[in-house]
Amino acid sequence: MNDKNELNDIILNKDTNSNSNKKIVLAVATLGVILIIVVMLMNSLSSGGTDNLPQAVLPQEPQREVPQAQEEPLFEEVVVIEEETSSDADLALIAQKA
């Protein structure tokens, strides 16, 4: 009788564990395919412009010519003019003006 019940289960497909596992695997596979399609679409939409890609910039070449310093001395010669000795009256006059 037990054999008959097993035969009926096979014929009626009453094994629910395999059905639920198949449904879960099918759902996961479907979500995976949808995710791959969405990623491919987003990649194709965003790859239209190359503006936001990094650009290679070459470093500036060092200057080969060293600019020669102009010949301007820091100190110039000044002609010294000696004043005549002044009298005490001139010094007093200058002191009053100040």
PDB file of N, CA and C in Angstrom:
ATOM      1  N   MET A   1       0.824  -1.183   0.000  1.00  0.00           N
ATOM      2  CA  MET A   1       0.000   0.000   0.000  1.00  0.00           C
ATOM      3  C   MET A   1       0.878   1.261   0.000  1.00  0.00           C
ATOM      4  N   ASN A   2       2.002   1.139   0.672  1.00  0.00           N
ATOM      5  CA  ASN A   2       2.930   2.246   0.724  1.00  0.00           C
ATOM      6  C   ASN A   2       3.485   2.533  -0.673  1.00  0.00           C
ATOM      7  N   ASP A   3       3.714   1.457  -1.453  1.00  0.00           N
ATOM      8  CA  ASP A   3       4.198   1.642  -2.814  1.00  0.00           C
ATOM      9  C   ASP A   3       3.173   2.358  -3.669  1.00  0.00           C
ATOM     10  N   LYS A   4       1.901   2.072  -3.412  1.00  0.00           N
ATOM     11  CA  LYS A   4       0.834   2.698  -4.178  1.00  0.00           C
ATOM     12  C   LYS A   4       0.763   4.194  -3.877  1.00  0.00           C
ATOM     13  N   ASN A   5       0.972   4.563  -2.622  1.00  0.00           N
ATOM     14  CA  ASN A   5       0.947   5.985  -2.246  1.00  0.00           C
ATOM     15  C   ASN A   5       2.114   6.745  -2.897  1.00  0.00           C
ATOM     16  N   GLU A   6       3.265   6.092  -2.945  1.00  0.00           N
ATOM     17  CA  GLU A   6       4.406   6.744  -3.578  1.00  0.00           C
ATOM     18  C   GLU A   6       4.165   6.917  -5.071  1.00  0.00           C
ATOM     19  N   LEU A   7       3.565   5.927  -5.680  1.00  0.00           N
ATOM     20  CA  LEU A   7       3.251   6.010  -7.101  1.00  0.00           C
ATOM     21  C   LEU A   7       2.252   7.131  -7.370  1.00  0.00           C
ATOM     22  N   ASN A   8       1.265   7.257  -6.524  1.00  0.00           N
ATOM     23  CA  ASN A   8       0.282   8.332  -6.661  1.00  0.00           C
ATOM     24  C   ASN A   8       0.926   9.707  -6.454  1.00  0.00           C
ATOM     25  N   ASP A   9       1.857   9.797  -5.514  1.00  0.00           N
ATOM     26  CA  ASP A   9       2.551  11.071  -5.280  1.00  0.00           C
ATOM     27  C   ASP A   9       3.365  11.479  -6.511  1.00  0.00           C
ATOM     28  N   ILE A  10       3.998  10.500  -7.127  1.00  0.00           N
ATOM     29  CA  ILE A  10       4.792  10.802  -8.308  1.00  0.00           C
ATOM     30  C   ILE A  10       3.888  11.227  -9.461  1.00  0.00           C
ATOM     31  N   ILE A  11       2.797  10.531  -9.621  1.00  0.00           N
ATOM     32  CA  ILE A  11       1.877  10.834 -10.712  1.00  0.00           C
ATOM     33  C   ILE A  11       1.214  12.194 -10.494  1.00  0.00           C
ATOM     34  N   LEU A  12       0.782  12.486  -9.279  1.00  0.00           N
ATOM     35  CA  LEU A  12       0.102  13.740  -8.982  1.00  0.00           C
ATOM     36  C   LEU A  12       1.081  14.891  -8.741  1.00  0.00           C
ATOM     37  N   ASN A  13       2.355  14.546  -8.674  1.00  0.00           N
ATOM     38  CA  ASN A  13       3.404  15.556  -8.474  1.00  0.00           C
ATOM     39  C   ASN A  13       3.158  16.353  -7.197  1.00  0.00           C
ATOM     40  N   LYS A  14       3.011  15.611  -6.084  1.00  0.00           N
ATOM     41  CA  LYS A  14       2.733  16.241  -4.806  1.00  0.00           C
ATOM     42  C   LYS A  14       3.997  16.652  -4.062  1.00  0.00           C
ATOM     43  N   ASP A  15       5.139  16.461  -4.660  1.00  0.00           N
ATOM     44  CA  ASP A  15       6.395  16.811  -3.990  1.00  0.00           C
ATOM     45  C   ASP A  15       6.574  18.332  -4.058  1.00  0.00           C
ATOM     46  N   THR A  16       6.230  19.020  -2.983  1.00  0.00           N
ATOM     47  CA  THR A  16       6.239  20.491  -2.974  1.00  0.00           C
ATOM     48  C   THR A  16       7.622  21.069  -2.742  1.00  0.00           C
ATOM     49  N   ASN A  17       8.539  20.325  -2.154  1.00  0.00           N
ATOM     50  CA  ASN A  17       9.885  20.858  -1.877  1.00  0.00           C
ATOM     51  C   ASN A  17      10.623  21.185  -3.169  1.00  0.00           C
ATOM     52  N   SER A  18      10.561  20.333  -4.152  1.00  0.00           N
ATOM     53  CA  SER A  18      11.271  20.590  -5.395  1.00  0.00           C
ATOM     54  C   SER A  18      10.635  21.745  -6.164  1.00  0.00           C
ATOM     55  N   ASN A  19       9.304  21.895  -6.064  1.00  0.00           N
ATOM     56  CA  ASN A  19       8.627  23.007  -6.740  1.00  0.00           C
ATOM     57  C   ASN A  19       9.027  24.346  -6.143  1.00  0.00           C
ATOM     58  N   SER A  20       9.088  24.408  -4.819  1.00  0.00           N
ATOM     59  CA  SER A  20       9.456  25.685  -4.192  1.00  0.00           C
ATOM     60  C   SER A  20      10.908  26.019  -4.491  1.00  0.00           C
ATOM     61  N   ASN A  21      11.787  25.023  -4.525  1.00  0.00           N
ATOM     62  CA  ASN A  21      13.195  25.277  -4.859  1.00  0.00           C
ATOM     63  C   ASN A  21      13.327  25.760  -6.295  1.00  0.00           C
ATOM     64  N   LYS A  22      12.562  25.171  -7.189  1.00  0.00           N
ATOM     65  CA  LYS A  22      12.618  25.585  -8.591  1.00  0.00           C
ATOM     66  C   LYS A  22      12.133  27.017  -8.751  1.00  0.00           C
ATOM     67  N   LYS A  23      11.100  27.384  -8.009  1.00  0.00           N
ATOM     68  CA  LYS A  23      10.567  28.749  -8.093  1.00  0.00           C
ATOM     69  C   LYS A  23      11.587  29.762  -7.576  1.00  0.00           C
ATOM     70  N   ILE A  24      12.269  29.429  -6.501  1.00  0.00           N
ATOM     71  CA  ILE A  24      13.265  30.333  -5.926  1.00  0.00           C
ATOM     72  C   ILE A  24      14.432  30.512  -6.898  1.00  0.00           C
ATOM     73  N   VAL A  25      14.908  29.416  -7.468  1.00  0.00           N
ATOM     74  CA  VAL A  25      16.027  29.499  -8.410  1.00  0.00           C
ATOM     75  C   VAL A  25      15.618  30.285  -9.648  1.00  0.00           C
ATOM     76  N   LEU A  26      14.399  30.069 -10.126  1.00  0.00           N
ATOM     77  CA  LEU A  26      13.910  30.802 -11.290  1.00  0.00           C
ATOM     78  C   LEU A  26      13.777  32.294 -10.988  1.00  0.00           C
ATOM     79  N   ALA A  27      13.309  32.659  -9.810  1.00  0.00           N
ATOM     80  CA  ALA A  27      13.175  34.069  -9.426  1.00  0.00           C
ATOM     81  C   ALA A  27      14.540  34.739  -9.324  1.00  0.00           C
ATOM     82  N   VAL A  28      15.514  34.048  -8.734  1.00  0.00           N
ATOM     83  CA  VAL A  28      16.857  34.614  -8.594  1.00  0.00           C
ATOM     84  C   VAL A  28      17.493  34.797  -9.969  1.00  0.00           C
ATOM     85  N   ALA A  29      17.324  33.826 -10.856  1.00  0.00           N
ATOM     86  CA  ALA A  29      17.888  33.930 -12.198  1.00  0.00           C
ATOM     87  C   ALA A  29      17.239  35.079 -12.967  1.00  0.00           C
ATOM     88  N   THR A  30      15.932  35.247 -12.817  1.00  0.00           N
ATOM     89  CA  THR A  30      15.234  36.348 -13.493  1.00  0.00           C
ATOM     90  C   THR A  30      15.729  37.699 -12.988  1.00  0.00           C
ATOM     91  N   LEU A  31      15.874  37.843 -11.681  1.00  0.00           N
ATOM     92  CA  LEU A  31      16.388  39.099 -11.114  1.00  0.00           C
ATOM     93  C   LEU A  31      17.824  39.367 -11.572  1.00  0.00           C
ATOM     94  N   GLY A  32      18.623  38.328 -11.680  1.00  0.00           N
ATOM     95  CA  GLY A  32      19.989  38.489 -12.162  1.00  0.00           C
ATOM     96  C   GLY A  32      20.037  38.981 -13.591  1.00  0.00           C
ATOM     97  N   VAL A  33      19.181  38.421 -14.448  1.00  0.00           N
ATOM     98  CA  VAL A  33      19.138  38.849 -15.848  1.00  0.00           C
ATOM     99  C   VAL A  33      18.661  40.299 -15.948  1.00  0.00           C
ATOM    100  N   ILE A  34      17.661  40.656 -15.156  1.00  0.00           N
ATOM    101  CA  ILE A  34      17.159  42.040 -15.161  1.00  0.00           C
ATOM    102  C   ILE A  34      18.256  42.995 -14.690  1.00  0.00           C
ATOM    103  N   LEU A  35      19.003  42.612 -13.665  1.00  0.00           N
ATOM    104  CA  LEU A  35      20.087  43.458 -13.162  1.00  0.00           C
ATOM    105  C   LEU A  35      21.165  43.654 -14.230  1.00  0.00           C
ATOM    106  N   ILE A  36      21.521  42.599 -14.924  1.00  0.00           N
ATOM    107  CA  ILE A  36      22.536  42.708 -15.986  1.00  0.00           C
ATOM    108  C   ILE A  36      22.051  43.625 -17.096  1.00  0.00           C
ATOM    109  N   ILE A  37      20.793  43.530 -17.478  1.00  0.00           N
ATOM    110  CA  ILE A  37      20.238  44.388 -18.534  1.00  0.00           C
ATOM    111  C   ILE A  37      20.252  45.851 -18.099  1.00  0.00           C
ATOM    112  N   VAL A  38      19.870  46.115 -16.846  1.00  0.00           N
ATOM    113  CA  VAL A  38      19.856  47.505 -16.349  1.00  0.00           C
ATOM    114  C   VAL A  38      21.273  48.075 -16.331  1.00  0.00           C
ATOM    115  N   VAL A  39      22.246  47.300 -15.895  1.00  0.00           N
ATOM    116  CA  VAL A  39      23.635  47.784 -15.844  1.00  0.00           C
ATOM    117  C   VAL A  39      24.144  48.073 -17.245  1.00  0.00           C
ATOM    118  N   MET A  40      23.819  47.214 -18.192  1.00  0.00           N
ATOM    119  CA  MET A  40      24.260  47.448 -19.572  1.00  0.00           C
ATOM    120  C   MET A  40      23.615  48.699 -20.151  1.00  0.00           C
ATOM    121  N   LEU A  41      22.349  48.926 -19.861  1.00  0.00           N
ATOM    122  CA  LEU A  41      21.687  50.141 -20.351  1.00  0.00           C
ATOM    123  C   LEU A  41      22.285  51.394 -19.738  1.00  0.00           C
ATOM    124  N   MET A  42      22.535  51.375 -18.434  1.00  0.00           N
ATOM    125  CA  MET A  42      23.115  52.549 -17.772  1.00  0.00           C
ATOM    126  C   MET A  42      24.525  52.819 -18.309  1.00  0.00           C
ATOM    127  N   ASN A  43      25.263  51.768 -18.573  1.00  0.00           N
ATOM    128  CA  ASN A  43      26.617  51.947 -19.094  1.00  0.00           C
ATOM    129  C   ASN A  43      26.576  52.532 -20.504  1.00  0.00           C
ATOM    130  N   SER A  44      25.660  52.075 -21.321  1.00  0.00           N
ATOM    131  CA  SER A  44      25.584  52.599 -22.687  1.00  0.00           C
ATOM    132  C   SER A  44      25.086  54.045 -22.703  1.00  0.00           C
ATOM    133  N   LEU A  45      24.229  54.417 -21.768  1.00  0.00           N
ATOM    134  CA  LEU A  45      23.740  55.796 -21.719  1.00  0.00           C
ATOM    135  C   LEU A  45      24.821  56.751 -21.221  1.00  0.00           C
ATOM    136  N   SER A  46      25.600  56.325 -20.249  1.00  0.00           N
ATOM    137  CA  SER A  46      26.601  57.222 -19.672  1.00  0.00           C
ATOM    138  C   SER A  46      27.889  57.249 -20.478  1.00  0.00           C
ATOM    139  N   SER A  47      28.140  56.279 -21.342  1.00  0.00           N
ATOM    140  CA  SER A  47      29.388  56.269 -22.096  1.00  0.00           C
ATOM    141  C   SER A  47      29.316  57.109 -23.362  1.00  0.00           C
ATOM    142  N   GLY A  48      28.214  57.795 -23.597  1.00  0.00           N
ATOM    143  CA  GLY A  48      28.081  58.633 -24.786  1.00  0.00           C
ATOM    144  C   GLY A  48      29.054  59.788 -24.773  1.00  0.00           C
ATOM    145  N   GLY A  49      29.353  60.358 -23.627  1.00  0.00           N
ATOM    146  CA  GLY A  49      30.280  61.485 -23.529  1.00  0.00           C
ATOM    147  C   GLY A  49      31.546  61.069 -22.836  1.00  0.00           C
ATOM    148  N   THR A  50      32.661  61.600 -23.302  1.00  0.00           N
ATOM    149  CA  THR A  50      33.943  61.291 -22.674  1.00  0.00           C
ATOM    150  C   THR A  50      34.469  62.512 -21.938  1.00  0.00           C
ATOM    151  N   ASP A  51      33.591  63.423 -21.555  1.00  0.00           N
ATOM    152  CA  ASP A  51      34.029  64.648 -20.892  1.00  0.00           C
ATOM    153  C   ASP A  51      34.557  64.378 -19.492  1.00  0.00           C
ATOM    154  N   ASN A  52      33.991  63.423 -18.800  1.00  0.00           N
ATOM    155  CA  ASN A  52      34.375  63.221 -17.417  1.00  0.00           C
ATOM    156  C   ASN A  52      35.469  62.167 -17.260  1.00  0.00           C
ATOM    157  N   LEU A  53      36.159  61.829 -18.342  1.00  0.00           N
ATOM    158  CA  LEU A  53      37.291  60.924 -18.239  1.00  0.00           C
ATOM    159  C   LEU A  53      38.538  61.720 -17.882  1.00  0.00           C
ATOM    160  N   PRO A  54      39.457  61.126 -17.131  1.00  0.00           N
ATOM    161  CA  PRO A  54      40.669  61.880 -16.774  1.00  0.00           C
ATOM    162  C   PRO A  54      41.528  62.147 -18.002  1.00  0.00           C
ATOM    163  N   GLN A  55      42.078  63.327 -18.060  1.00  0.00           N
ATOM    164  CA  GLN A  55      42.906  63.738 -19.189  1.00  0.00           C
ATOM    165  C   GLN A  55      44.369  63.722 -18.757  1.00  0.00           C
ATOM    166  N   ALA A  56      45.235  63.254 -19.629  1.00  0.00           N
ATOM    167  CA  ALA A  56      46.665  63.221 -19.334  1.00  0.00           C
ATOM    168  C   ALA A  56      47.253  64.603 -19.607  1.00  0.00           C
ATOM    169  N   VAL A  57      48.005  65.110 -18.642  1.00  0.00           N
ATOM    170  CA  VAL A  57      48.633  66.416 -18.779  1.00  0.00           C
ATOM    171  C   VAL A  57      50.137  66.218 -18.640  1.00  0.00           C
ATOM    172  N   LEU A  58      50.876  66.674 -19.657  1.00  0.00           N
ATOM    173  CA  LEU A  58      52.324  66.548 -19.615  1.00  0.00           C
ATOM    174  C   LEU A  58      52.912  67.656 -18.742  1.00  0.00           C
ATOM    175  N   PRO A  59      53.949  67.345 -17.973  1.00  0.00           N
ATOM    176  CA  PRO A  59      54.568  68.389 -17.153  1.00  0.00           C
ATOM    177  C   PRO A  59      55.311  69.381 -18.030  1.00  0.00           C
ATOM    178  N   GLN A  60      55.432  70.587 -17.536  1.00  0.00           N
ATOM    179  CA  GLN A  60      56.125  71.619 -18.294  1.00  0.00           C
ATOM    180  C   GLN A  60      57.610  71.288 -18.360  1.00  0.00           C
ATOM    181  N   GLU A  61      58.202  71.602 -19.515  1.00  0.00           N
ATOM    182  CA  GLU A  61      59.629  71.371 -19.666  1.00  0.00           C
ATOM    183  C   GLU A  61      60.393  72.460 -18.918  1.00  0.00           C
ATOM    184  N   PRO A  62      61.486  72.086 -18.289  1.00  0.00           N
ATOM    185  CA  PRO A  62      62.263  73.110 -17.577  1.00  0.00           C
ATOM    186  C   PRO A  62      62.905  74.070 -18.570  1.00  0.00           C
ATOM    187  N   GLN A  63      63.037  75.306 -18.147  1.00  0.00           N
ATOM    188  CA  GLN A  63      63.634  76.310 -19.019  1.00  0.00           C
ATOM    189  C   GLN A  63      65.120  76.023 -19.169  1.00  0.00           C
ATOM    190  N   ARG A  64      65.563  76.015 -20.402  1.00  0.00           N
ATOM    191  CA  ARG A  64      66.961  75.711 -20.652  1.00  0.00           C
ATOM    192  C   ARG A  64      67.821  76.965 -20.600  1.00  0.00           C
ATOM    193  N   GLU A  65      67.255  78.097 -20.920  1.00  0.00           N
ATOM    194  CA  GLU A  65      68.004  79.341 -20.874  1.00  0.00           C
ATOM    195  C   GLU A  65      67.797  80.000 -19.520  1.00  0.00           C
ATOM    196  N   VAL A  66      68.909  80.321 -18.889  1.00  0.00           N
ATOM    197  CA  VAL A  66      68.837  81.020 -17.621  1.00  0.00           C
ATOM    198  C   VAL A  66      68.915  82.507 -17.939  1.00  0.00           C
ATOM    199  N   PRO A  67      67.901  83.260 -17.550  1.00  0.00           N
ATOM    200  CA  PRO A  67      67.972  84.693 -17.865  1.00  0.00           C
ATOM    201  C   PRO A  67      69.153  85.333 -17.139  1.00  0.00           C
ATOM    202  N   GLN A  68      69.949  86.076 -17.912  1.00  0.00           N
ATOM    203  CA  GLN A  68      71.122  86.709 -17.325  1.00  0.00           C
ATOM    204  C   GLN A  68      70.705  87.974 -16.606  1.00  0.00           C
ATOM    205  N   ALA A  69      71.334  88.168 -15.482  1.00  0.00           N
ATOM    206  CA  ALA A  69      71.005  89.337 -14.677  1.00  0.00           C
ATOM    207  C   ALA A  69      71.481  90.597 -15.386  1.00  0.00           C
ATOM    208  N   GLN A  70      70.638  91.596 -15.343  1.00  0.00           N
ATOM    209  CA  GLN A  70      71.027  92.866 -15.944  1.00  0.00           C
ATOM    210  C   GLN A  70      72.076  93.513 -15.052  1.00  0.00           C
ATOM    211  N   GLU A  71      72.940  94.261 -15.683  1.00  0.00           N
ATOM    212  CA  GLU A  71      74.025  94.844 -14.923  1.00  0.00           C
ATOM    213  C   GLU A  71      73.589  96.150 -14.299  1.00  0.00           C
ATOM    214  N   GLU A  72      72.806  96.021 -13.256  1.00  0.00           N
ATOM    215  CA  GLU A  72      72.398  97.184 -12.473  1.00  0.00           C
ATOM    216  C   GLU A  72      72.969  97.000 -11.072  1.00  0.00           C
ATOM    217  N   PRO A  73      73.926  97.801 -10.727  1.00  0.00           N
ATOM    218  CA  PRO A  73      74.514  97.629  -9.395  1.00  0.00           C
ATOM    219  C   PRO A  73      73.508  98.013  -8.316  1.00  0.00           C
ATOM    220  N   LEU A  74      73.650  97.379  -7.203  1.00  0.00           N
ATOM    221  CA  LEU A  74      72.754  97.684  -6.093  1.00  0.00           C
ATOM    222  C   LEU A  74      73.031  99.073  -5.523  1.00  0.00           C
ATOM    223  N   PHE A  75      74.277  99.436  -5.534  1.00  0.00           N
ATOM    224  CA  PHE A  75      74.634 100.742  -5.003  1.00  0.00           C
ATOM    225  C   PHE A  75      75.317 101.549  -6.090  1.00  0.00           C
ATOM    226  N   GLU A  76      74.873 102.762  -6.246  1.00  0.00           N
ATOM    227  CA  GLU A  76      75.497 103.644  -7.231  1.00  0.00           C
ATOM    228  C   GLU A  76      76.454 104.603  -6.512  1.00  0.00           C
ATOM    229  N   GLU A  77      77.450 105.014  -7.235  1.00  0.00           N
ATOM    230  CA  GLU A  77      78.391 105.952  -6.650  1.00  0.00           C
ATOM    231  C   GLU A  77      77.761 107.342  -6.625  1.00  0.00           C
ATOM    232  N   VAL A  78      77.924 107.978  -5.538  1.00  0.00           N
ATOM    233  CA  VAL A  78      77.374 109.323  -5.353  1.00  0.00           C
ATOM    234  C   VAL A  78      78.541 110.287  -5.144  1.00  0.00           C
ATOM    235  N   VAL A  79      78.430 111.410  -5.806  1.00  0.00           N
ATOM    236  CA  VAL A  79      79.472 112.423  -5.673  1.00  0.00           C
ATOM    237  C   VAL A  79      79.277 113.157  -4.352  1.00  0.00           C
ATOM    238  N   VAL A  80      80.319 113.222  -3.587  1.00  0.00           N
ATOM    239  CA  VAL A  80      80.250 113.874  -2.279  1.00  0.00           C
ATOM    240  C   VAL A  80      80.641 115.340  -2.460  1.00  0.00           C
ATOM    241  N   ILE A  81      79.741 116.199  -2.036  1.00  0.00           N
ATOM    242  CA  ILE A  81      80.001 117.633  -2.124  1.00  0.00           C
ATOM    243  C   ILE A  81      80.248 118.137  -0.709  1.00  0.00           C
ATOM    244  N   GLU A  82      81.404 118.721  -0.528  1.00  0.00           N
ATOM    245  CA  GLU A  82      81.719 119.229   0.805  1.00  0.00           C
ATOM    246  C   GLU A  82      81.141 120.624   0.950  1.00  0.00           C
ATOM    247  N   GLU A  83      80.486 120.846   2.067  1.00  0.00           N
ATOM    248  CA  GLU A  83      79.916 122.158   2.319  1.00  0.00           C
ATOM    249  C   GLU A  83      80.950 123.051   2.985  1.00  0.00           C
ATOM    250  N   GLU A  84      80.736 124.291   2.776  1.00  0.00           N
ATOM    251  CA  GLU A  84      81.633 125.237   3.435  1.00  0.00           C
ATOM    252  C   GLU A  84      81.264 125.305   4.903  1.00  0.00           C
ATOM    253  N   THR A  85      82.223 125.548   5.693  1.00  0.00           N
ATOM    254  CA  THR A  85      81.940 125.638   7.123  1.00  0.00           C
ATOM    255  C   THR A  85      81.091 126.866   7.374  1.00  0.00           C
ATOM    256  N   SER A  86      80.069 126.665   8.130  1.00  0.00           N
ATOM    257  CA  SER A  86      79.176 127.782   8.399  1.00  0.00           C
ATOM    258  C   SER A  86      79.489 128.396   9.745  1.00  0.00           C
ATOM    259  N   SER A  87      79.071 129.569   9.843  1.00  0.00           N
ATOM    260  CA  SER A  87      79.341 130.297  11.084  1.00  0.00           C
ATOM    261  C   SER A  87      78.287 129.949  12.127  1.00  0.00           C
ATOM    262  N   ASP A  88      78.538 130.359  13.319  1.00  0.00           N
ATOM    263  CA  ASP A  88      77.598 130.089  14.411  1.00  0.00           C
ATOM    264  C   ASP A  88      76.294 130.822  14.192  1.00  0.00           C
ATOM    265  N   ALA A  89      76.322 131.918  13.520  1.00  0.00           N
ATOM    266  CA  ALA A  89      75.119 132.690  13.273  1.00  0.00           C
ATOM    267  C   ALA A  89      74.201 131.929  12.337  1.00  0.00           C
ATOM    268  N   ASP A  90      74.775 131.271  11.328  1.00  0.00           N
ATOM    269  CA  ASP A  90      73.957 130.479  10.392  1.00  0.00           C
ATOM    270  C   ASP A  90      73.336 129.291  11.106  1.00  0.00           C
ATOM    271  N   LEU A  91      74.081 128.679  12.009  1.00  0.00           N
ATOM    272  CA  LEU A  91      73.552 127.517  12.746  1.00  0.00           C
ATOM    273  C   LEU A  91      72.423 127.955  13.667  1.00  0.00           C
ATOM    274  N   ALA A  92      72.534 129.084  14.282  1.00  0.00           N
ATOM    275  CA  ALA A  92      71.476 129.583  15.160  1.00  0.00           C
ATOM    276  C   ALA A  92      70.246 129.909  14.341  1.00  0.00           C
ATOM    277  N   LEU A  93      70.437 130.458  13.162  1.00  0.00           N
ATOM    278  CA  LEU A  93      69.315 130.779  12.277  1.00  0.00           C
ATOM    279  C   LEU A  93      68.584 129.504  11.847  1.00  0.00           C
ATOM    280  N   ILE A  94      69.322 128.474  11.522  1.00  0.00           N
ATOM    281  CA  ILE A  94      68.728 127.200  11.106  1.00  0.00           C
ATOM    282  C   ILE A  94      67.977 126.582  12.286  1.00  0.00           C
ATOM    283  N   ALA A  95      68.532 126.672  13.466  1.00  0.00           N
ATOM    284  CA  ALA A  95      67.882 126.107  14.642  1.00  0.00           C
ATOM    285  C   ALA A  95      66.584 126.828  14.966  1.00  0.00           C
ATOM    286  N   GLN A  96      66.504 128.120  14.702  1.00  0.00           N
ATOM    287  CA  GLN A  96      65.290 128.873  14.973  1.00  0.00           C
ATOM    288  C   GLN A  96      64.195 128.504  13.974  1.00  0.00           C
ATOM    289  N   LYS A  97      64.584 128.221  12.753  1.00  0.00           N
ATOM    290  CA  LYS A  97      63.590 127.851  11.730  1.00  0.00           C
ATOM    291  C   LYS A  97      62.967 126.484  12.025  1.00  0.00           C
ATOM    292  N   ALA A  98      63.699 125.618  12.595  1.00  0.00           N
ATOM    293  CA  ALA A  98      63.206 124.270  12.855  1.00  0.00           C
ATOM    294  C   ALA A  98      62.344 124.312  14.047  1.00  0.00           C
TER     295      ALA A  98
END
